[in-house]
């Protein structure tokens, strides 16, 4: 099981540069490619369906080979969800920390 850190997700209350909106998740996101420190800014609407731990806490995102290797071992907060044909994510809690696991499909 290899894990590579992809970004750090930071919940924010104010609009950020280059935000994109996800209607299904009720959130604005300014991706880590817009930030030299690989910070991903997440601004959630009040009625977001996302788990409160994801909404209210910083998360660390890891690239993993297969999400399935992890979801039976850790508390799943949200997902898995396919964001595109190339990417599936899941939010889990590992030793009290919120983590996003990212599986890229080639």
PDB file of N, CA and C in Angstrom:
ATOM      1  N   UNK A   1       0.845  -1.182   0.000  1.00  0.00           N
ATOM      2  CA  UNK A   1       0.000   0.000   0.000  1.00  0.00           C
ATOM      3  C   UNK A   1       0.888   1.241   0.000  1.00  0.00           C
ATOM      4  N   UNK A   2       0.894   1.945  -1.100  1.00  0.00           N
ATOM      5  CA  UNK A   2       1.663   3.179  -1.164  1.00  0.00           C
ATOM      6  C   UNK A   2       0.712   4.361  -1.141  1.00  0.00           C
ATOM      7  N   UNK A   3       1.167   5.424  -0.474  1.00  0.00           N
ATOM      8  CA  UNK A   3       0.375   6.642  -0.375  1.00  0.00           C
ATOM      9  C   UNK A   3       1.280   7.818  -0.713  1.00  0.00           C
ATOM     10  N   UNK A   4       0.782   8.724  -1.541  1.00  0.00           N
ATOM     11  CA  UNK A   4       1.511   9.931  -1.910  1.00  0.00           C
ATOM     12  C   UNK A   4       0.643  11.128  -1.549  1.00  0.00           C
ATOM     13  N   UNK A   5       1.204  12.082  -0.798  1.00  0.00           N
ATOM     14  CA  UNK A   5       0.435  13.274  -0.427  1.00  0.00           C
ATOM     15  C   UNK A   5       0.180  14.121  -1.667  1.00  0.00           C
ATOM     16  N   UNK A   6      -1.088  14.476  -1.879  1.00  0.00           N
ATOM     17  CA  UNK A   6      -1.498  15.266  -3.037  1.00  0.00           C
ATOM     18  C   UNK A   6      -1.799  16.718  -2.683  1.00  0.00           C
ATOM     19  N   UNK A   7      -2.478  16.945  -1.550  1.00  0.00           N
ATOM     20  CA  UNK A   7      -2.798  18.309  -1.133  1.00  0.00           C
ATOM     21  C   UNK A   7      -3.275  18.313   0.310  1.00  0.00           C
ATOM     22  N   UNK A   8      -3.416  19.524   0.834  1.00  0.00           N
ATOM     23  CA  UNK A   8      -4.024  19.738   2.144  1.00  0.00           C
ATOM     24  C   UNK A   8      -5.293  20.541   1.910  1.00  0.00           C
ATOM     25  N   UNK A   9      -6.422  20.037   2.381  1.00  0.00           N
ATOM     26  CA  UNK A   9      -7.710  20.702   2.199  1.00  0.00           C
ATOM     27  C   UNK A   9      -8.047  21.565   3.401  1.00  0.00           C
ATOM     28  N   UNK A  10      -8.340  22.834   3.138  1.00  0.00           N
ATOM     29  CA  UNK A  10      -8.617  23.797   4.198  1.00  0.00           C
ATOM     30  C   UNK A  10     -10.018  24.378   4.042  1.00  0.00           C
ATOM     31  N   UNK A  11     -10.905  24.159   5.008  1.00  0.00           N
ATOM     32  CA  UNK A  11     -12.218  24.806   4.958  1.00  0.00           C
ATOM     33  C   UNK A  11     -12.061  26.313   5.174  1.00  0.00           C
ATOM     34  N   UNK A  12     -12.759  27.102   4.370  1.00  0.00           N
ATOM     35  CA  UNK A  12     -12.701  28.563   4.480  1.00  0.00           C
ATOM     36  C   UNK A  12     -14.116  29.128   4.461  1.00  0.00           C
ATOM     37  N   UNK A  13     -14.241  30.359   4.917  1.00  0.00           N
ATOM     38  CA  UNK A  13     -15.543  31.027   4.948  1.00  0.00           C
ATOM     39  C   UNK A  13     -15.679  32.092   3.856  1.00  0.00           C
ATOM     40  N   UNK A  14     -14.568  32.520   3.278  1.00  0.00           N
ATOM     41  CA  UNK A  14     -14.594  33.606   2.299  1.00  0.00           C
ATOM     42  C   UNK A  14     -14.238  33.082   0.908  1.00  0.00           C
ATOM     43  N   UNK A  15     -14.755  33.736  -0.139  1.00  0.00           N
ATOM     44  CA  UNK A  15     -14.435  33.308  -1.503  1.00  0.00           C
ATOM     45  C   UNK A  15     -12.926  33.352  -1.768  1.00  0.00           C
ATOM     46  N   UNK A  16     -12.476  32.407  -2.589  1.00  0.00           N
ATOM     47  CA  UNK A  16     -11.069  32.302  -2.958  1.00  0.00           C
ATOM     48  C   UNK A  16     -10.924  32.474  -4.469  1.00  0.00           C
ATOM     49  N   UNK A  17      -9.703  32.748  -4.919  1.00  0.00           N
ATOM     50  CA  UNK A  17      -9.444  32.874  -6.353  1.00  0.00           C
ATOM     51  C   UNK A  17      -9.682  31.535  -7.045  1.00  0.00           C
ATOM     52  N   UNK A  18     -10.174  31.607  -8.263  1.00  0.00           N
ATOM     53  CA  UNK A  18     -10.328  30.435  -9.134  1.00  0.00           C
ATOM     54  C   UNK A  18     -11.213  29.337  -8.548  1.00  0.00           C
ATOM     55  N   UNK A  19     -12.246  29.727  -7.822  1.00  0.00           N
ATOM     56  CA  UNK A  19     -13.167  28.731  -7.271  1.00  0.00           C
ATOM     57  C   UNK A  19     -13.998  28.091  -8.380  1.00  0.00           C
ATOM     58  N   UNK A  20     -14.274  26.812  -8.194  1.00  0.00           N
ATOM     59  CA  UNK A  20     -15.238  26.105  -9.029  1.00  0.00           C
ATOM     60  C   UNK A  20     -16.342  25.613  -8.107  1.00  0.00           C
ATOM     61  N   UNK A  21     -17.553  25.538  -8.637  1.00  0.00           N
ATOM     62  CA  UNK A  21     -18.698  25.156  -7.816  1.00  0.00           C
ATOM     63  C   UNK A  21     -19.144  23.740  -8.139  1.00  0.00           C
ATOM     64  N   UNK A  22     -19.424  22.965  -7.110  1.00  0.00           N
ATOM     65  CA  UNK A  22     -20.022  21.635  -7.253  1.00  0.00           C
ATOM     66  C   UNK A  22     -21.444  21.711  -6.711  1.00  0.00           C
ATOM     67  N   UNK A  23     -22.407  21.670  -7.612  1.00  0.00           N
ATOM     68  CA  UNK A  23     -23.805  21.772  -7.188  1.00  0.00           C
ATOM     69  C   UNK A  23     -24.225  20.565  -6.353  1.00  0.00           C
ATOM     70  N   UNK A  24     -23.780  19.377  -6.729  1.00  0.00           N
ATOM     71  CA  UNK A  24     -24.196  18.174  -5.999  1.00  0.00           C
ATOM     72  C   UNK A  24     -23.633  18.142  -4.578  1.00  0.00           C
ATOM     73  N   UNK A  25     -22.446  18.697  -4.376  1.00  0.00           N
ATOM     74  CA  UNK A  25     -21.825  18.708  -3.045  1.00  0.00           C
ATOM     75  C   UNK A  25     -22.040  20.023  -2.306  1.00  0.00           C
ATOM     76  N   UNK A  26     -22.614  21.007  -2.989  1.00  0.00           N
ATOM     77  CA  UNK A  26     -22.885  22.324  -2.395  1.00  0.00           C
ATOM     78  C   UNK A  26     -21.607  22.917  -1.798  1.00  0.00           C
ATOM     79  N   UNK A  27     -20.568  23.001  -2.646  1.00  0.00           N
ATOM     80  CA  UNK A  27     -19.320  23.589  -2.186  1.00  0.00           C
ATOM     81  C   UNK A  27     -18.583  24.248  -3.330  1.00  0.00           C
ATOM     82  N   UNK A  28     -17.786  25.237  -2.955  1.00  0.00           N
ATOM     83  CA  UNK A  28     -16.871  25.901  -3.860  1.00  0.00           C
ATOM     84  C   UNK A  28     -15.482  25.383  -3.533  1.00  0.00           C
ATOM     85  N   UNK A  29     -14.702  25.106  -4.566  1.00  0.00           N
ATOM     86  CA  UNK A  29     -13.353  24.589  -4.332  1.00  0.00           C
ATOM     87  C   UNK A  29     -12.364  25.335  -5.213  1.00  0.00           C
ATOM     88  N   UNK A  30     -11.276  25.738  -4.606  1.00  0.00           N
ATOM     89  CA  UNK A  30     -10.143  26.303  -5.329  1.00  0.00           C
ATOM     90  C   UNK A  30      -9.036  25.268  -5.212  1.00  0.00           C
ATOM     91  N   UNK A  31      -8.783  24.580  -6.311  1.00  0.00           N
ATOM     92  CA  UNK A  31      -7.909  23.416  -6.295  1.00  0.00           C
ATOM     93  C   UNK A  31      -6.458  23.703  -5.971  1.00  0.00           C
ATOM     94  N   UNK A  32      -5.733  22.658  -5.588  1.00  0.00           N
ATOM     95  CA  UNK A  32      -4.338  22.805  -5.190  1.00  0.00           C
ATOM     96  C   UNK A  32      -3.426  23.250  -6.325  1.00  0.00           C
ATOM     97  N   UNK A  33      -3.856  23.080  -7.575  1.00  0.00           N
ATOM     98  CA  UNK A  33      -3.038  23.549  -8.689  1.00  0.00           C
ATOM     99  C   UNK A  33      -2.992  25.070  -8.751  1.00  0.00           C
ATOM    100  N   UNK A  34      -3.896  25.732  -8.019  1.00  0.00           N
ATOM    101  CA  UNK A  34      -3.926  27.194  -7.962  1.00  0.00           C
ATOM    102  C   UNK A  34      -3.082  27.747  -6.822  1.00  0.00           C
ATOM    103  N   UNK A  35      -2.408  26.877  -6.078  1.00  0.00           N
ATOM    104  CA  UNK A  35      -1.692  27.311  -4.877  1.00  0.00           C
ATOM    105  C   UNK A  35      -0.323  26.636  -4.824  1.00  0.00           C
ATOM    106  N   UNK A  36       0.755  27.422  -4.659  1.00  0.00           N
ATOM    107  CA  UNK A  36       2.101  26.830  -4.644  1.00  0.00           C
ATOM    108  C   UNK A  36       2.347  25.889  -3.464  1.00  0.00           C
ATOM    109  N   UNK A  37       1.563  26.015  -2.393  1.00  0.00           N
ATOM    110  CA  UNK A  37       1.722  25.145  -1.227  1.00  0.00           C
ATOM    111  C   UNK A  37       0.820  23.909  -1.307  1.00  0.00           C
ATOM    112  N   UNK A  38       0.094  23.765  -2.440  1.00  0.00           N
ATOM    113  CA  UNK A  38      -0.837  22.647  -2.646  1.00  0.00           C
ATOM    114  C   UNK A  38      -1.984  22.652  -1.637  1.00  0.00           C
ATOM    115  N   UNK A  39      -2.418  23.860  -1.247  1.00  0.00           N
ATOM    116  CA  UNK A  39      -3.603  23.992  -0.414  1.00  0.00           C
ATOM    117  C   UNK A  39      -4.832  23.945  -1.329  1.00  0.00           C
ATOM    118  N   UNK A  40      -5.830  23.211  -0.910  1.00  0.00           N
ATOM    119  CA  UNK A  40      -7.121  23.180  -1.587  1.00  0.00           C
ATOM    120  C   UNK A  40      -8.103  23.870  -0.651  1.00  0.00           C
ATOM    121  N   UNK A  41      -8.695  24.975  -1.102  1.00  0.00           N
ATOM    122  CA  UNK A  41      -9.640  25.712  -0.271  1.00  0.00           C
ATOM    123  C   UNK A  41     -11.057  25.239  -0.576  1.00  0.00           C
ATOM    124  N   UNK A  42     -11.798  24.930   0.474  1.00  0.00           N
ATOM    125  CA  UNK A  42     -13.160  24.419   0.357  1.00  0.00           C
ATOM    126  C   UNK A  42     -14.112  25.339   1.108  1.00  0.00           C
ATOM    127  N   UNK A  43     -15.076  25.892   0.378  1.00  0.00           N
ATOM    128  CA  UNK A  43     -16.080  26.759   1.001  1.00  0.00           C
ATOM    129  C   UNK A  43     -17.439  26.088   0.828  1.00  0.00           C
ATOM    130  N   UNK A  44     -17.971  25.592   1.931  1.00  0.00           N
ATOM    131  CA  UNK A  44     -19.201  24.810   1.920  1.00  0.00           C
ATOM    132  C   UNK A  44     -20.422  25.699   2.126  1.00  0.00           C
ATOM    133  N   UNK A  45     -21.511  25.372   1.430  1.00  0.00           N
ATOM    134  CA  UNK A  45     -22.787  26.015   1.700  1.00  0.00           C
ATOM    135  C   UNK A  45     -23.389  25.377   2.949  1.00  0.00           C
ATOM    136  N   UNK A  46     -24.301  26.090   3.585  1.00  0.00           N
ATOM    137  CA  UNK A  46     -24.899  25.605   4.837  1.00  0.00           C
ATOM    138  C   UNK A  46     -25.609  24.266   4.663  1.00  0.00           C
ATOM    139  N   UNK A  47     -26.168  24.015   3.479  1.00  0.00           N
ATOM    140  CA  UNK A  47     -26.916  22.776   3.258  1.00  0.00           C
ATOM    141  C   UNK A  47     -26.111  21.700   2.515  1.00  0.00           C
ATOM    142  N   UNK A  48     -24.798  21.775   2.616  1.00  0.00           N
ATOM    143  CA  UNK A  48     -23.972  20.747   1.976  1.00  0.00           C
ATOM    144  C   UNK A  48     -24.307  19.367   2.536  1.00  0.00           C
ATOM    145  N   UNK A  49     -24.313  18.354   1.679  1.00  0.00           N
ATOM    146  CA  UNK A  49     -24.553  17.000   2.180  1.00  0.00           C
ATOM    147  C   UNK A  49     -23.299  16.340   2.761  1.00  0.00           C
ATOM    148  N   UNK A  50     -22.182  17.034   2.720  1.00  0.00           N
ATOM    149  CA  UNK A  50     -20.919  16.448   3.178  1.00  0.00           C
ATOM    150  C   UNK A  50     -20.917  16.237   4.693  1.00  0.00           C
ATOM    151  N   UNK A  51     -20.196  15.217   5.127  1.00  0.00           N
ATOM    152  CA  UNK A  51     -20.080  14.866   6.545  1.00  0.00           C
ATOM    153  C   UNK A  51     -19.510  16.053   7.327  1.00  0.00           C
ATOM    154  N   UNK A  52     -20.034  16.342   8.519  1.00  0.00           N
ATOM    155  CA  UNK A  52     -19.543  17.478   9.315  1.00  0.00           C
ATOM    156  C   UNK A  52     -18.038  17.442   9.584  1.00  0.00           C
ATOM    157  N   UNK A  53     -17.454  16.263   9.721  1.00  0.00           N
ATOM    158  CA  UNK A  53     -16.003  16.201   9.939  1.00  0.00           C
ATOM    159  C   UNK A  53     -15.228  16.680   8.718  1.00  0.00           C
ATOM    160  N   UNK A  54     -15.765  16.460   7.525  1.00  0.00           N
ATOM    161  CA  UNK A  54     -15.124  16.947   6.307  1.00  0.00           C
ATOM    162  C   UNK A  54     -15.301  18.462   6.206  1.00  0.00           C
ATOM    163  N   UNK A  55     -16.482  18.940   6.555  1.00  0.00           N
ATOM    164  CA  UNK A  55     -16.800  20.366   6.460  1.00  0.00           C
ATOM    165  C   UNK A  55     -15.995  21.198   7.455  1.00  0.00           C
ATOM    166  N   UNK A  56     -15.782  20.685   8.641  1.00  0.00           N
ATOM    167  CA  UNK A  56     -15.228  21.488   9.735  1.00  0.00           C
ATOM    168  C   UNK A  56     -13.762  21.240  10.058  1.00  0.00           C
ATOM    169  N   UNK A  57     -13.104  20.360   9.326  1.00  0.00           N
ATOM    170  CA  UNK A  57     -11.719  20.029   9.647  1.00  0.00           C
ATOM    171  C   UNK A  57     -10.821  20.080   8.422  1.00  0.00           C
ATOM    172  N   UNK A  58      -9.566  20.361   8.666  1.00  0.00           N
ATOM    173  CA  UNK A  58      -8.539  20.246   7.635  1.00  0.00           C
ATOM    174  C   UNK A  58      -8.426  18.772   7.261  1.00  0.00           C
ATOM    175  N   UNK A  59      -8.160  18.501   5.987  1.00  0.00           N
ATOM    176  CA  UNK A  59      -7.902  17.113   5.590  1.00  0.00           C
ATOM    177  C   UNK A  59      -6.614  17.028   4.784  1.00  0.00           C
ATOM    178  N   UNK A  60      -6.025  15.853   4.810  1.00  0.00           N
ATOM    179  CA  UNK A  60      -4.849  15.565   3.996  1.00  0.00           C
ATOM    180  C   UNK A  60      -5.287  14.584   2.920  1.00  0.00           C
ATOM    181  N   UNK A  61      -4.944  14.885   1.668  1.00  0.00           N
ATOM    182  CA  UNK A  61      -5.331  14.019   0.552  1.00  0.00           C
ATOM    183  C   UNK A  61      -4.141  13.178   0.111  1.00  0.00           C
ATOM    184  N   UNK A  62      -4.405  11.893  -0.058  1.00  0.00           N
ATOM    185  CA  UNK A  62      -3.383  10.948  -0.485  1.00  0.00           C
ATOM    186  C   UNK A  62      -3.814  10.254  -1.769  1.00  0.00           C
ATOM    187  N   UNK A  63      -2.880  10.091  -2.679  1.00  0.00           N
ATOM    188  CA  UNK A  63      -3.088   9.233  -3.841  1.00  0.00           C
ATOM    189  C   UNK A  63      -2.815   7.803  -3.387  1.00  0.00           C
ATOM    190  N   UNK A  64      -3.747   6.909  -3.685  1.00  0.00           N
ATOM    191  CA  UNK A  64      -3.592   5.498  -3.318  1.00  0.00           C
ATOM    192  C   UNK A  64      -3.821   4.637  -4.561  1.00  0.00           C
ATOM    193  N   UNK A  65      -3.298   3.425  -4.510  1.00  0.00           N
ATOM    194  CA  UNK A  65      -3.471   2.515  -5.645  1.00  0.00           C
ATOM    195  C   UNK A  65      -4.914   2.047  -5.764  1.00  0.00           C
ATOM    196  N   UNK A  66      -5.493   1.649  -4.630  1.00  0.00           N
ATOM    197  CA  UNK A  66      -6.869   1.153  -4.631  1.00  0.00           C
ATOM    198  C   UNK A  66      -7.571   1.561  -3.341  1.00  0.00           C
ATOM    199  N   UNK A  67      -8.637   2.321  -3.476  1.00  0.00           N
ATOM    200  CA  UNK A  67      -9.420   2.744  -2.316  1.00  0.00           C
ATOM    201  C   UNK A  67      -9.929   1.539  -1.536  1.00  0.00           C
ATOM    202  N   UNK A  68     -10.270   0.478  -2.242  1.00  0.00           N
ATOM    203  CA  UNK A  68     -10.842  -0.709  -1.590  1.00  0.00           C
ATOM    204  C   UNK A  68      -9.934  -1.267  -0.498  1.00  0.00           C
ATOM    205  N   UNK A  69      -8.629  -1.055  -0.615  1.00  0.00           N
ATOM    206  CA  UNK A  69      -7.691  -1.546   0.396  1.00  0.00           C
ATOM    207  C   UNK A  69      -7.861  -0.833   1.735  1.00  0.00           C
ATOM    208  N   UNK A  70      -8.503   0.326   1.730  1.00  0.00           N
ATOM    209  CA  UNK A  70      -8.569   1.166   2.919  1.00  0.00           C
ATOM    210  C   UNK A  70      -9.949   1.248   3.553  1.00  0.00           C
ATOM    211  N   UNK A  71     -11.011   1.126   2.760  1.00  0.00           N
ATOM    212  CA  UNK A  71     -12.334   1.445   3.307  1.00  0.00           C
ATOM    213  C   UNK A  71     -12.822   0.448   4.347  1.00  0.00           C
ATOM    214  N   UNK A  72     -12.277  -0.746   4.359  1.00  0.00           N
ATOM    215  CA  UNK A  72     -12.654  -1.696   5.407  1.00  0.00           C
ATOM    216  C   UNK A  72     -11.848  -1.497   6.683  1.00  0.00           C
ATOM    217  N   UNK A  73     -10.768  -0.744   6.590  1.00  0.00           N
ATOM    218  CA  UNK A  73      -9.868  -0.559   7.734  1.00  0.00           C
ATOM    219  C   UNK A  73     -10.155   0.710   8.527  1.00  0.00           C
ATOM    220  N   UNK A  74     -10.800   1.687   7.899  1.00  0.00           N
ATOM    221  CA  UNK A  74     -10.990   2.990   8.530  1.00  0.00           C
ATOM    222  C   UNK A  74     -12.455   3.414   8.474  1.00  0.00           C
ATOM    223  N   UNK A  75     -12.804   4.341   9.332  1.00  0.00           N
ATOM    224  CA  UNK A  75     -14.164   4.887   9.355  1.00  0.00           C
ATOM    225  C   UNK A  75     -14.387   5.731   8.104  1.00  0.00           C
ATOM    226  N   UNK A  76     -15.357   5.349   7.297  1.00  0.00           N
ATOM    227  CA  UNK A  76     -15.684   6.096   6.084  1.00  0.00           C
ATOM    228  C   UNK A  76     -16.617   7.240   6.459  1.00  0.00           C
ATOM    229  N   UNK A  77     -16.216   8.461   6.108  1.00  0.00           N
ATOM    230  CA  UNK A  77     -17.026   9.648   6.377  1.00  0.00           C
ATOM    231  C   UNK A  77     -17.900  10.009   5.181  1.00  0.00           C
ATOM    232  N   UNK A  78     -17.360   9.847   3.978  1.00  0.00           N
ATOM    233  CA  UNK A  78     -18.065  10.266   2.766  1.00  0.00           C
ATOM    234  C   UNK A  78     -17.527   9.477   1.578  1.00  0.00           C
ATOM    235  N   UNK A  79     -18.421   8.901   0.799  1.00  0.00           N
ATOM    236  CA  UNK A  79     -18.019   8.206  -0.410  1.00  0.00           C
ATOM    237  C   UNK A  79     -17.951   6.705  -0.211  1.00  0.00           C
ATOM    238  N   UNK A  80     -17.293   6.037  -1.132  1.00  0.00           N
ATOM    239  CA  UNK A  80     -16.545   6.546  -2.281  1.00  0.00           C
ATOM    240  C   UNK A  80     -17.470   7.203  -3.311  1.00  0.00           C
ATOM    241  N   UNK A  81     -16.888   8.154  -4.038  1.00  0.00           N
ATOM    242  CA  UNK A  81     -17.626   8.841  -5.087  1.00  0.00           C
ATOM    243  C   UNK A  81     -16.720   9.080  -6.283  1.00  0.00           C
ATOM    244  N   UNK A  82     -17.254   8.799  -7.463  1.00  0.00           N
ATOM    245  CA  UNK A  82     -16.525   9.030  -8.709  1.00  0.00           C
ATOM    246  C   UNK A  82     -16.714  10.490  -9.097  1.00  0.00           C
ATOM    247  N   UNK A  83     -15.625  11.245  -9.098  1.00  0.00           N
ATOM    248  CA  UNK A  83     -15.701  12.647  -9.518  1.00  0.00           C
ATOM    249  C   UNK A  83     -15.601  12.772 -11.030  1.00  0.00           C
ATOM    250  N   UNK A  84     -14.996  11.775 -11.649  1.00  0.00           N
ATOM    251  CA  UNK A  84     -14.876  11.714 -13.104  1.00  0.00           C
ATOM    252  C   UNK A  84     -14.540  10.275 -13.472  1.00  0.00           C
ATOM    253  N   UNK A  85     -14.388  10.016 -14.762  1.00  0.00           N
ATOM    254  CA  UNK A  85     -13.974   8.673 -15.180  1.00  0.00           C
ATOM    255  C   UNK A  85     -12.562   8.365 -14.701  1.00  0.00           C
ATOM    256  N   UNK A  86     -11.785   9.415 -14.445  1.00  0.00           N
ATOM    257  CA  UNK A  86     -10.386   9.246 -14.058  1.00  0.00           C
ATOM    258  C   UNK A  86     -10.147   9.237 -12.556  1.00  0.00           C
ATOM    259  N   UNK A  87     -11.129   9.667 -11.740  1.00  0.00           N
ATOM    260  CA  UNK A  87     -10.857   9.865 -10.315  1.00  0.00           C
ATOM    261  C   UNK A  87     -12.030   9.439  -9.435  1.00  0.00           C
ATOM    262  N   UNK A  88     -11.712   8.616  -8.441  1.00  0.00           N
ATOM    263  CA  UNK A  88     -12.650   8.247  -7.381  1.00  0.00           C
ATOM    264  C   UNK A  88     -12.024   8.653  -6.059  1.00  0.00           C
ATOM    265  N   UNK A  89     -12.845   9.225  -5.161  1.00  0.00           N
ATOM    266  CA  UNK A  89     -12.337   9.641  -3.853  1.00  0.00           C
ATOM    267  C   UNK A  89     -13.213   9.073  -2.744  1.00  0.00           C
ATOM    268  N   UNK A  90     -12.651   9.047  -1.558  1.00  0.00           N
ATOM    269  CA  UNK A  90     -13.388   8.707  -0.349  1.00  0.00           C
ATOM    270  C   UNK A  90     -12.744   9.484   0.791  1.00  0.00           C
ATOM    271  N   UNK A  91     -13.565   9.976   1.714  1.00  0.00           N
ATOM    272  CA  UNK A  91     -13.056  10.618   2.924  1.00  0.00           C
ATOM    273  C   UNK A  91     -13.157   9.616   4.060  1.00  0.00           C
ATOM    274  N   UNK A  92     -12.048   9.428   4.774  1.00  0.00           N
ATOM    275  CA  UNK A  92     -11.993   8.494   5.898  1.00  0.00           C
ATOM    276  C   UNK A  92     -11.349   9.191   7.087  1.00  0.00           C
ATOM    277  N   UNK A  93     -11.518   8.586   8.239  1.00  0.00           N
ATOM    278  CA  UNK A  93     -10.856   9.080   9.444  1.00  0.00           C
ATOM    279  C   UNK A  93      -9.797   8.054   9.827  1.00  0.00           C
ATOM    280  N   UNK A  94      -8.539   8.514   9.891  1.00  0.00           N
ATOM    281  CA  UNK A  94      -7.404   7.665  10.242  1.00  0.00           C
ATOM    282  C   UNK A  94      -6.760   8.237  11.494  1.00  0.00           C
ATOM    283  N   UNK A  95      -6.802   7.500  12.579  1.00  0.00           N
ATOM    284  CA  UNK A  95      -6.226   7.948  13.860  1.00  0.00           C
ATOM    285  C   UNK A  95      -6.704   9.347  14.236  1.00  0.00           C
ATOM    286  N   UNK A  96      -7.989   9.630  14.001  1.00  0.00           N
ATOM    287  CA  UNK A  96      -8.583  10.906  14.363  1.00  0.00           C
ATOM    288  C   UNK A  96      -8.436  12.001  13.322  1.00  0.00           C
ATOM    289  N   UNK A  97      -7.665  11.757  12.267  1.00  0.00           N
ATOM    290  CA  UNK A  97      -7.444  12.762  11.224  1.00  0.00           C
ATOM    291  C   UNK A  97      -8.335  12.474  10.017  1.00  0.00           C
ATOM    292  N   UNK A  98      -8.897  13.535   9.443  1.00  0.00           N
ATOM    293  CA  UNK A  98      -9.697  13.399   8.231  1.00  0.00           C
ATOM    294  C   UNK A  98      -8.742  13.298   7.041  1.00  0.00           C
ATOM    295  N   UNK A  99      -8.929  12.267   6.241  1.00  0.00           N
ATOM    296  CA  UNK A  99      -8.085  12.038   5.072  1.00  0.00           C
ATOM    297  C   UNK A  99      -8.959  11.804   3.847  1.00  0.00           C
ATOM    298  N   UNK A 100      -8.503  12.320   2.728  1.00  0.00           N
ATOM    299  CA  UNK A 100      -9.140  12.057   1.441  1.00  0.00           C
ATOM    300  C   UNK A 100      -8.236  11.084   0.695  1.00  0.00           C
ATOM    301  N   UNK A 101      -8.789   9.970   0.281  1.00  0.00           N
ATOM    302  CA  UNK A 101      -8.036   9.001  -0.500  1.00  0.00           C
ATOM    303  C   UNK A 101      -8.471   9.140  -1.949  1.00  0.00           C
ATOM    304  N   UNK A 102      -7.499   9.248  -2.839  1.00  0.00           N
ATOM    305  CA  UNK A 102      -7.754   9.514  -4.250  1.00  0.00           C
ATOM    306  C   UNK A 102      -7.214   8.358  -5.089  1.00  0.00           C
ATOM    307  N   UNK A 103      -8.096   7.729  -5.835  1.00  0.00           N
ATOM    308  CA  UNK A 103      -7.689   6.653  -6.744  1.00  0.00           C
ATOM    309  C   UNK A 103      -7.847   7.143  -8.175  1.00  0.00           C
ATOM    310  N   UNK A 104      -6.743   7.194  -8.887  1.00  0.00           N
ATOM    311  CA  UNK A 104      -6.750   7.629 -10.280  1.00  0.00           C
ATOM    312  C   UNK A 104      -6.835   6.405 -11.182  1.00  0.00           C
ATOM    313  N   UNK A 105      -7.715   6.474 -12.180  1.00  0.00           N
ATOM    314  CA  UNK A 105      -7.905   5.380 -13.127  1.00  0.00           C
ATOM    315  C   UNK A 105      -7.239   5.778 -14.440  1.00  0.00           C
ATOM    316  N   UNK A 106      -6.374   4.944 -14.925  1.00  0.00           N
ATOM    317  CA  UNK A 106      -5.650   5.266 -16.176  1.00  0.00           C
ATOM    318  C   UNK A 106      -6.445   4.900 -17.390  1.00  0.00           C
TER     319      UNK A 106
END
